[in-house]
Amino acid sequence: MNLIIYLIAGAIVGYIASRIMRTNSQQGLLLDIVVGVIGAFLAGYFISPMVGIGTINDAITIPTLVVTLIGSIALLAIVNIFRGRRFRSA
């Protein structure tokens, strides 16, 4: 049951990150989940030690979702850099 909750939280975080980075039209629900889960991994490895807040792997709270969101946004920024695309402005 926890796996389903983590996938739903990862999908929500991945969707929000893709909307912020304006890559939502290029990816679907499965990639949103992947972005959320890999973003949680990146956040847990790089961001969590700096701010002292866990990721959605520890508990699903607002601070952990924000840290995971930052990791997901960083992941999408890295992907955009490697694809050779510039950040889109509003």
PDB file of N, CA and C in Angstrom:
ATOM      1  N   MET A   1       0.827  -1.197   0.000  1.00  0.00           N
ATOM      2  CA  MET A   1       0.000   0.000   0.000  1.00  0.00           C
ATOM      3  C   MET A   1       0.867   1.255   0.000  1.00  0.00           C
ATOM      4  N   ASN A   2       2.008   1.216   0.710  1.00  0.00           N
ATOM      5  CA  ASN A   2       2.886   2.383   0.728  1.00  0.00           C
ATOM      6  C   ASN A   2       3.428   2.691  -0.649  1.00  0.00           C
ATOM      7  N   LEU A   3       3.682   1.662  -1.455  1.00  0.00           N
ATOM      8  CA  LEU A   3       4.189   1.864  -2.804  1.00  0.00           C
ATOM      9  C   LEU A   3       3.210   2.687  -3.632  1.00  0.00           C
ATOM     10  N   ILE A   4       1.943   2.408  -3.500  1.00  0.00           N
ATOM     11  CA  ILE A   4       0.924   3.149  -4.245  1.00  0.00           C
ATOM     12  C   ILE A   4       0.901   4.605  -3.799  1.00  0.00           C
ATOM     13  N   ILE A   5       1.015   4.843  -2.515  1.00  0.00           N
ATOM     14  CA  ILE A   5       1.023   6.212  -2.000  1.00  0.00           C
ATOM     15  C   ILE A   5       2.245   6.965  -2.503  1.00  0.00           C
ATOM     16  N   TYR A   6       3.413   6.292  -2.517  1.00  0.00           N
ATOM     17  CA  TYR A   6       4.629   6.934  -3.023  1.00  0.00           C
ATOM     18  C   TYR A   6       4.524   7.223  -4.510  1.00  0.00           C
ATOM     19  N   LEU A   7       3.915   6.337  -5.269  1.00  0.00           N
ATOM     20  CA  LEU A   7       3.743   6.582  -6.702  1.00  0.00           C
ATOM     21  C   LEU A   7       2.796   7.751  -6.957  1.00  0.00           C
ATOM     22  N   ILE A   8       1.748   7.848  -6.158  1.00  0.00           N
ATOM     23  CA  ILE A   8       0.812   8.968  -6.306  1.00  0.00           C
ATOM     24  C   ILE A   8       1.511  10.277  -5.932  1.00  0.00           C
ATOM     25  N   ALA A   9       2.255  10.280  -4.831  1.00  0.00           N
ATOM     26  CA  ALA A   9       2.985  11.491  -4.431  1.00  0.00           C
ATOM     27  C   ALA A   9       4.035  11.850  -5.479  1.00  0.00           C
ATOM     28  N   GLY A  10       4.732  10.848  -6.015  1.00  0.00           N
ATOM     29  CA  GLY A  10       5.714  11.092  -7.073  1.00  0.00           C
ATOM     30  C   GLY A  10       5.065  11.646  -8.328  1.00  0.00           C
ATOM     31  N   ALA A  11       3.884  11.143  -8.659  1.00  0.00           N
ATOM     32  CA  ALA A  11       3.168  11.645  -9.835  1.00  0.00           C
ATOM     33  C   ALA A  11       2.752  13.101  -9.646  1.00  0.00           C
ATOM     34  N   ILE A  12       2.288  13.433  -8.460  1.00  0.00           N
ATOM     35  CA  ILE A  12       1.869  14.814  -8.188  1.00  0.00           C
ATOM     36  C   ILE A  12       3.065  15.752  -8.248  1.00  0.00           C
ATOM     37  N   VAL A  13       4.162  15.359  -7.597  1.00  0.00           N
ATOM     38  CA  VAL A  13       5.363  16.203  -7.600  1.00  0.00           C
ATOM     39  C   VAL A  13       5.930  16.318  -9.013  1.00  0.00           C
ATOM     40  N   GLY A  14       5.969  15.202  -9.745  1.00  0.00           N
ATOM     41  CA  GLY A  14       6.465  15.232 -11.128  1.00  0.00           C
ATOM     42  C   GLY A  14       5.606  16.098 -12.029  1.00  0.00           C
ATOM     43  N   TYR A  15       4.287  16.051 -11.830  1.00  0.00           N
ATOM     44  CA  TYR A  15       3.387  16.882 -12.625  1.00  0.00           C
ATOM     45  C   TYR A  15       3.610  18.363 -12.340  1.00  0.00           C
ATOM     46  N   ILE A  16       3.727  18.709 -11.076  1.00  0.00           N
ATOM     47  CA  ILE A  16       3.955  20.113 -10.714  1.00  0.00           C
ATOM     48  C   ILE A  16       5.295  20.598 -11.261  1.00  0.00           C
ATOM     49  N   ALA A  17       6.330  19.755 -11.166  1.00  0.00           N
ATOM     50  CA  ALA A  17       7.644  20.125 -11.691  1.00  0.00           C
ATOM     51  C   ALA A  17       7.597  20.300 -13.203  1.00  0.00           C
ATOM     52  N   SER A  18       6.878  19.423 -13.892  1.00  0.00           N
ATOM     53  CA  SER A  18       6.789  19.552 -15.351  1.00  0.00           C
ATOM     54  C   SER A  18       5.998  20.793 -15.757  1.00  0.00           C
ATOM     55  N   ARG A  19       5.031  21.181 -14.958  1.00  0.00           N
ATOM     56  CA  ARG A  19       4.291  22.427 -15.237  1.00  0.00           C
ATOM     57  C   ARG A  19       5.180  23.642 -15.008  1.00  0.00           C
ATOM     58  N   ILE A  20       5.982  23.613 -13.954  1.00  0.00           N
ATOM     59  CA  ILE A  20       6.880  24.730 -13.660  1.00  0.00           C
ATOM     60  C   ILE A  20       7.924  24.879 -14.760  1.00  0.00           C
ATOM     61  N   MET A  21       8.483  23.742 -15.200  1.00  0.00           N
ATOM     62  CA  MET A  21       9.533  23.761 -16.216  1.00  0.00           C
ATOM     63  C   MET A  21       8.974  23.777 -17.644  1.00  0.00           C
ATOM     64  N   ARG A  22       7.674  23.781 -17.777  1.00  0.00           N
ATOM     65  CA  ARG A  22       6.979  23.828 -19.064  1.00  0.00           C
ATOM     66  C   ARG A  22       7.354  22.660 -19.984  1.00  0.00           C
ATOM     67  N   THR A  23       7.452  21.477 -19.419  1.00  0.00           N
ATOM     68  CA  THR A  23       7.693  20.270 -20.203  1.00  0.00           C
ATOM     69  C   THR A  23       6.493  19.337 -20.143  1.00  0.00           C
ATOM     70  N   ASN A  24       5.377  19.820 -19.658  1.00  0.00           N
ATOM     71  CA  ASN A  24       4.214  18.972 -19.459  1.00  0.00           C
ATOM     72  C   ASN A  24       3.650  18.443 -20.772  1.00  0.00           C
ATOM     73  N   SER A  25       3.742  19.202 -21.842  1.00  0.00           N
ATOM     74  CA  SER A  25       3.202  18.749 -23.118  1.00  0.00           C
ATOM     75  C   SER A  25       4.051  17.642 -23.730  1.00  0.00           C
ATOM     76  N   GLN A  26       5.273  17.459 -23.243  1.00  0.00           N
ATOM     77  CA  GLN A  26       6.180  16.452 -23.791  1.00  0.00           C
ATOM     78  C   GLN A  26       6.127  15.137 -23.035  1.00  0.00           C
ATOM     79  N   GLN A  27       5.484  15.091 -21.898  1.00  0.00           N
ATOM     80  CA  GLN A  27       5.496  13.880 -21.094  1.00  0.00           C
ATOM     81  C   GLN A  27       4.116  13.582 -20.555  1.00  0.00           C
ATOM     82  N   GLY A  28       3.887  12.316 -20.273  1.00  0.00           N
ATOM     83  CA  GLY A  28       2.613  11.878 -19.737  1.00  0.00           C
ATOM     84  C   GLY A  28       2.728  11.492 -18.277  1.00  0.00           C
ATOM     85  N   LEU A  29       1.751  10.745 -17.813  1.00  0.00           N
ATOM     86  CA  LEU A  29       1.687  10.362 -16.406  1.00  0.00           C
ATOM     87  C   LEU A  29       2.868   9.493 -15.995  1.00  0.00           C
ATOM     88  N   LEU A  30       3.260   8.561 -16.846  1.00  0.00           N
ATOM     89  CA  LEU A  30       4.371   7.672 -16.492  1.00  0.00           C
ATOM     90  C   LEU A  30       5.663   8.459 -16.302  1.00  0.00           C
ATOM     91  N   LEU A  31       5.948   9.393 -17.182  1.00  0.00           N
ATOM     92  CA  LEU A  31       7.154  10.201 -17.025  1.00  0.00           C
ATOM     93  C   LEU A  31       7.045  11.154 -15.841  1.00  0.00           C
ATOM     94  N   ASP A  32       5.840  11.606 -15.514  1.00  0.00           N
ATOM     95  CA  ASP A  32       5.661  12.416 -14.303  1.00  0.00           C
ATOM     96  C   ASP A  32       6.051  11.616 -13.063  1.00  0.00           C
ATOM     97  N   ILE A  33       5.641  10.347 -13.023  1.00  0.00           N
ATOM     98  CA  ILE A  33       5.992   9.490 -11.887  1.00  0.00           C
ATOM     99  C   ILE A  33       7.501   9.282 -11.831  1.00  0.00           C
ATOM    100  N   VAL A  34       8.108   9.019 -12.996  1.00  0.00           N
ATOM    101  CA  VAL A  34       9.554   8.800 -13.046  1.00  0.00           C
ATOM    102  C   VAL A  34      10.299  10.047 -12.591  1.00  0.00           C
ATOM    103  N   VAL A  35       9.858  11.215 -13.054  1.00  0.00           N
ATOM    104  CA  VAL A  35      10.490  12.476 -12.647  1.00  0.00           C
ATOM    105  C   VAL A  35      10.352  12.678 -11.144  1.00  0.00           C
ATOM    106  N   GLY A  36       9.193  12.384 -10.588  1.00  0.00           N
ATOM    107  CA  GLY A  36       8.985  12.535  -9.149  1.00  0.00           C
ATOM    108  C   GLY A  36       9.858  11.598  -8.328  1.00  0.00           C
ATOM    109  N   VAL A  37       9.984  10.343  -8.778  1.00  0.00           N
ATOM    110  CA  VAL A  37      10.775   9.365  -8.023  1.00  0.00           C
ATOM    111  C   VAL A  37      12.268   9.662  -8.143  1.00  0.00           C
ATOM    112  N   ILE A  38      12.751   9.943  -9.354  1.00  0.00           N
ATOM    113  CA  ILE A  38      14.174  10.264  -9.522  1.00  0.00           C
ATOM    114  C   ILE A  38      14.490  11.612  -8.870  1.00  0.00           C
ATOM    115  N   GLY A  39      13.551  12.545  -8.924  1.00  0.00           N
ATOM    116  CA  GLY A  39      13.732  13.822  -8.237  1.00  0.00           C
ATOM    117  C   GLY A  39      13.844  13.637  -6.733  1.00  0.00           C
ATOM    118  N   ALA A  40      13.087  12.687  -6.183  1.00  0.00           N
ATOM    119  CA  ALA A  40      13.194  12.382  -4.748  1.00  0.00           C
ATOM    120  C   ALA A  40      14.569  11.804  -4.427  1.00  0.00           C
ATOM    121  N   PHE A  41      15.082  10.962  -5.326  1.00  0.00           N
ATOM    122  CA  PHE A  41      16.416  10.402  -5.122  1.00  0.00           C
ATOM    123  C   PHE A  41      17.470  11.496  -5.151  1.00  0.00           C
ATOM    124  N   LEU A  42      17.405  12.381  -6.157  1.00  0.00           N
ATOM    125  CA  LEU A  42      18.368  13.482  -6.248  1.00  0.00           C
ATOM    126  C   LEU A  42      18.277  14.402  -5.040  1.00  0.00           C
ATOM    127  N   ALA A  43      17.052  14.698  -4.636  1.00  0.00           N
ATOM    128  CA  ALA A  43      16.863  15.573  -3.479  1.00  0.00           C
ATOM    129  C   ALA A  43      17.407  14.917  -2.216  1.00  0.00           C
ATOM    130  N   GLY A  44      17.190  13.621  -2.069  1.00  0.00           N
ATOM    131  CA  GLY A  44      17.687  12.929  -0.893  1.00  0.00           C
ATOM    132  C   GLY A  44      19.197  12.870  -0.842  1.00  0.00           C
ATOM    133  N   TYR A  45      19.818  12.835  -1.997  1.00  0.00           N
ATOM    134  CA  TYR A  45      21.266  12.715  -2.046  1.00  0.00           C
ATOM    135  C   TYR A  45      21.966  14.069  -1.933  1.00  0.00           C
ATOM    136  N   PHE A  46      21.405  15.107  -2.551  1.00  0.00           N
ATOM    137  CA  PHE A  46      22.083  16.402  -2.606  1.00  0.00           C
ATOM    138  C   PHE A  46      21.448  17.481  -1.721  1.00  0.00           C
ATOM    139  N   ILE A  47      20.132  17.589  -1.721  1.00  0.00           N
ATOM    140  CA  ILE A  47      19.460  18.720  -1.086  1.00  0.00           C
ATOM    141  C   ILE A  47      19.151  18.451   0.398  1.00  0.00           C
ATOM    142  N   SER A  48      18.681  17.266   0.711  1.00  0.00           N
ATOM    143  CA  SER A  48      18.299  16.953   2.096  1.00  0.00           C
ATOM    144  C   SER A  48      19.414  17.161   3.109  1.00  0.00           C
ATOM    145  N   PRO A  49      20.657  16.744   2.827  1.00  0.00           N
ATOM    146  CA  PRO A  49      21.713  16.994   3.820  1.00  0.00           C
ATOM    147  C   PRO A  49      21.968  18.481   4.070  1.00  0.00           C
ATOM    148  N   MET A  50      21.720  19.316   3.065  1.00  0.00           N
ATOM    149  CA  MET A  50      21.964  20.757   3.233  1.00  0.00           C
ATOM    150  C   MET A  50      20.894  21.431   4.075  1.00  0.00           C
ATOM    151  N   VAL A  51      19.636  21.021   3.895  1.00  0.00           N
ATOM    152  CA  VAL A  51      18.540  21.692   4.599  1.00  0.00           C
ATOM    153  C   VAL A  51      18.026  20.920   5.806  1.00  0.00           C
ATOM    154  N   GLY A  52      18.417  19.657   5.933  1.00  0.00           N
ATOM    155  CA  GLY A  52      18.010  18.869   7.086  1.00  0.00           C
ATOM    156  C   GLY A  52      16.578  18.374   7.039  1.00  0.00           C
ATOM    157  N   ILE A  53      15.998  18.308   5.842  1.00  0.00           N
ATOM    158  CA  ILE A  53      14.638  17.811   5.668  1.00  0.00           C
ATOM    159  C   ILE A  53      14.714  16.588   4.772  1.00  0.00           C
ATOM    160  N   GLY A  54      13.945  15.573   5.071  1.00  0.00           N
ATOM    161  CA  GLY A  54      13.946  14.358   4.275  1.00  0.00           C
ATOM    162  C   GLY A  54      13.196  14.528   2.969  1.00  0.00           C
ATOM    163  N   THR A  55      12.985  13.412   2.293  1.00  0.00           N
ATOM    164  CA  THR A  55      12.214  13.402   1.060  1.00  0.00           C
ATOM    165  C   THR A  55      10.953  12.579   1.290  1.00  0.00           C
ATOM    166  N   ILE A  56      10.195  12.329   0.233  1.00  0.00           N
ATOM    167  CA  ILE A  56       8.961  11.556   0.386  1.00  0.00           C
ATOM    168  C   ILE A  56       9.246  10.122   0.787  1.00  0.00           C
ATOM    169  N   ASN A  57      10.495   9.692   0.711  1.00  0.00           N
ATOM    170  CA  ASN A  57      10.843   8.351   1.173  1.00  0.00           C
ATOM    171  C   ASN A  57      10.783   8.257   2.693  1.00  0.00           C
ATOM    172  N   ASP A  58      10.993   9.374   3.399  1.00  0.00           N
ATOM    173  CA  ASP A  58      10.935   9.389   4.858  1.00  0.00           C
ATOM    174  C   ASP A  58       9.501   9.506   5.352  1.00  0.00           C
ATOM    175  N   ALA A  59       8.811  10.514   4.906  1.00  0.00           N
ATOM    176  CA  ALA A  59       7.409  10.741   5.265  1.00  0.00           C
ATOM    177  C   ALA A  59       6.831  11.700   4.231  1.00  0.00           C
ATOM    178  N   ILE A  60       5.549  11.628   4.032  1.00  0.00           N
ATOM    179  CA  ILE A  60       4.921  12.518   3.063  1.00  0.00           C
ATOM    180  C   ILE A  60       4.310  13.685   3.828  1.00  0.00           C
ATOM    181  N   THR A  61       5.070  14.782   3.883  1.00  0.00           N
ATOM    182  CA  THR A  61       4.632  16.022   4.509  1.00  0.00           C
ATOM    183  C   THR A  61       4.916  17.158   3.537  1.00  0.00           C
ATOM    184  N   ILE A  62       4.444  18.336   3.852  1.00  0.00           N
ATOM    185  CA  ILE A  62       4.662  19.492   2.972  1.00  0.00           C
ATOM    186  C   ILE A  62       6.148  19.791   2.790  1.00  0.00           C
ATOM    187  N   PRO A  63       6.964  19.846   3.857  1.00  0.00           N
ATOM    188  CA  PRO A  63       8.396  20.118   3.636  1.00  0.00           C
ATOM    189  C   PRO A  63       9.087  19.059   2.778  1.00  0.00           C
ATOM    190  N   THR A  64       8.730  17.783   2.963  1.00  0.00           N
ATOM    191  CA  THR A  64       9.370  16.748   2.159  1.00  0.00           C
ATOM    192  C   THR A  64       8.924  16.821   0.708  1.00  0.00           C
ATOM    193  N   LEU A  65       7.680  17.201   0.480  1.00  0.00           N
ATOM    194  CA  LEU A  65       7.205  17.373  -0.893  1.00  0.00           C
ATOM    195  C   LEU A  65       7.909  18.542  -1.574  1.00  0.00           C
ATOM    196  N   VAL A  66       8.180  19.607  -0.832  1.00  0.00           N
ATOM    197  CA  VAL A  66       8.884  20.758  -1.403  1.00  0.00           C
ATOM    198  C   VAL A  66      10.322  20.385  -1.761  1.00  0.00           C
ATOM    199  N   VAL A  67      10.991  19.641  -0.894  1.00  0.00           N
ATOM    200  CA  VAL A  67      12.362  19.209  -1.186  1.00  0.00           C
ATOM    201  C   VAL A  67      12.368  18.297  -2.407  1.00  0.00           C
ATOM    202  N   THR A  68      11.407  17.394  -2.495  1.00  0.00           N
ATOM    203  CA  THR A  68      11.306  16.508  -3.646  1.00  0.00           C
ATOM    204  C   THR A  68      10.985  17.297  -4.909  1.00  0.00           C
ATOM    205  N   LEU A  69      10.152  18.320  -4.790  1.00  0.00           N
ATOM    206  CA  LEU A  69       9.842  19.175  -5.934  1.00  0.00           C
ATOM    207  C   LEU A  69      11.093  19.889  -6.438  1.00  0.00           C
ATOM    208  N   ILE A  70      11.922  20.369  -5.546  1.00  0.00           N
ATOM    209  CA  ILE A  70      13.166  21.030  -5.939  1.00  0.00           C
ATOM    210  C   ILE A  70      14.072  20.040  -6.675  1.00  0.00           C
ATOM    211  N   GLY A  71      14.147  18.813  -6.185  1.00  0.00           N
ATOM    212  CA  GLY A  71      14.935  17.788  -6.871  1.00  0.00           C
ATOM    213  C   GLY A  71      14.380  17.457  -8.244  1.00  0.00           C
ATOM    214  N   SER A  72      13.058  17.425  -8.382  1.00  0.00           N
ATOM    215  CA  SER A  72      12.430  17.143  -9.672  1.00  0.00           C
ATOM    216  C   SER A  72      12.659  18.276 -10.662  1.00  0.00           C
ATOM    217  N   ILE A  73      12.590  19.507 -10.183  1.00  0.00           N
ATOM    218  CA  ILE A  73      12.859  20.652 -11.052  1.00  0.00           C
ATOM    219  C   ILE A  73      14.309  20.637 -11.508  1.00  0.00           C
ATOM    220  N   ALA A  74      15.222  20.294 -10.596  1.00  0.00           N
ATOM    221  CA  ALA A  74      16.636  20.195 -10.971  1.00  0.00           C
ATOM    222  C   ALA A  74      16.840  19.109 -12.013  1.00  0.00           C
ATOM    223  N   LEU A  75      16.156  17.984 -11.862  1.00  0.00           N
ATOM    224  CA  LEU A  75      16.253  16.902 -12.839  1.00  0.00           C
ATOM    225  C   LEU A  75      15.785  17.358 -14.216  1.00  0.00           C
ATOM    226  N   LEU A  76      14.653  18.034 -14.281  1.00  0.00           N
ATOM    227  CA  LEU A  76      14.142  18.515 -15.569  1.00  0.00           C
ATOM    228  C   LEU A  76      15.057  19.578 -16.170  1.00  0.00           C
ATOM    229  N   ALA A  77      15.678  20.407 -15.331  1.00  0.00           N
ATOM    230  CA  ALA A  77      16.627  21.403 -15.836  1.00  0.00           C
ATOM    231  C   ALA A  77      17.847  20.717 -16.441  1.00  0.00           C
ATOM    232  N   ILE A  78      18.330  19.664 -15.790  1.00  0.00           N
ATOM    233  CA  ILE A  78      19.481  18.927 -16.317  1.00  0.00           C
ATOM    234  C   ILE A  78      19.118  18.265 -17.645  1.00  0.00           C
ATOM    235  N   VAL A  79      17.938  17.681 -17.730  1.00  0.00           N
ATOM    236  CA  VAL A  79      17.495  17.046 -18.973  1.00  0.00           C
ATOM    237  C   VAL A  79      17.393  18.079 -20.082  1.00  0.00           C
ATOM    238  N   ASN A  80      16.856  19.260 -19.777  1.00  0.00           N
ATOM    239  CA  ASN A  80      16.750  20.315 -20.789  1.00  0.00           C
ATOM    240  C   ASN A  80      18.120  20.786 -21.263  1.00  0.00           C
ATOM    241  N   ILE A  81      19.085  20.851 -20.375  1.00  0.00           N
ATOM    242  CA  ILE A  81      20.433  21.262 -20.765  1.00  0.00           C
ATOM    243  C   ILE A  81      21.039  20.231 -21.705  1.00  0.00           C
ATOM    244  N   PHE A  82      20.879  18.947 -21.392  1.00  0.00           N
ATOM    245  CA  PHE A  82      21.453  17.907 -22.244  1.00  0.00           C
ATOM    246  C   PHE A  82      20.727  17.772 -23.574  1.00  0.00           C
ATOM    247  N   ARG A  83      19.469  18.135 -23.611  1.00  0.00           N
ATOM    248  CA  ARG A  83      18.739  18.131 -24.872  1.00  0.00           C
ATOM    249  C   ARG A  83      19.089  19.339 -25.734  1.00  0.00           C
ATOM    250  N   GLY A  84      19.767  20.297 -25.148  1.00  0.00           N
ATOM    251  CA  GLY A  84      20.156  21.493 -25.899  1.00  0.00           C
ATOM    252  C   GLY A  84      19.070  22.545 -25.972  1.00  0.00           C
ATOM    253  N   ARG A  85      18.080  22.412 -25.130  1.00  0.00           N
ATOM    254  CA  ARG A  85      16.997  23.398 -25.130  1.00  0.00           C
ATOM    255  C   ARG A  85      17.258  24.440 -24.059  1.00  0.00           C
ATOM    256  N   ARG A  86      16.878  25.623 -24.346  1.00  0.00           N
ATOM    257  CA  ARG A  86      16.983  26.696 -23.370  1.00  0.00           C
ATOM    258  C   ARG A  86      15.700  26.704 -22.533  1.00  0.00           C
ATOM    259  N   PHE A  87      15.790  27.339 -21.379  1.00  0.00           N
ATOM    260  CA  PHE A  87      14.610  27.480 -20.547  1.00  0.00           C
ATOM    261  C   PHE A  87      13.630  28.401 -21.227  1.00  0.00           C
ATOM    262  N   ARG A  88      12.384  28.010 -21.203  1.00  0.00           N
ATOM    263  CA  ARG A  88      11.357  28.833 -21.847  1.00  0.00           C
ATOM    264  C   ARG A  88      10.870  29.895 -20.869  1.00  0.00           C
ATOM    265  N   SER A  89      10.700  31.068 -21.375  1.00  0.00           N
ATOM    266  CA  SER A  89      10.147  32.129 -20.517  1.00  0.00           C
ATOM    267  C   SER A  89       8.654  32.181 -20.722  1.00  0.00           C
ATOM    268  N   ALA A  90       7.980  32.788 -19.774  1.00  0.00           N
ATOM    269  CA  ALA A  90       6.517  32.854 -19.820  1.00  0.00           C
ATOM    270  C   ALA A  90       6.048  33.785 -20.849  1.00  0.00           C
TER     271      ALA A  90
END
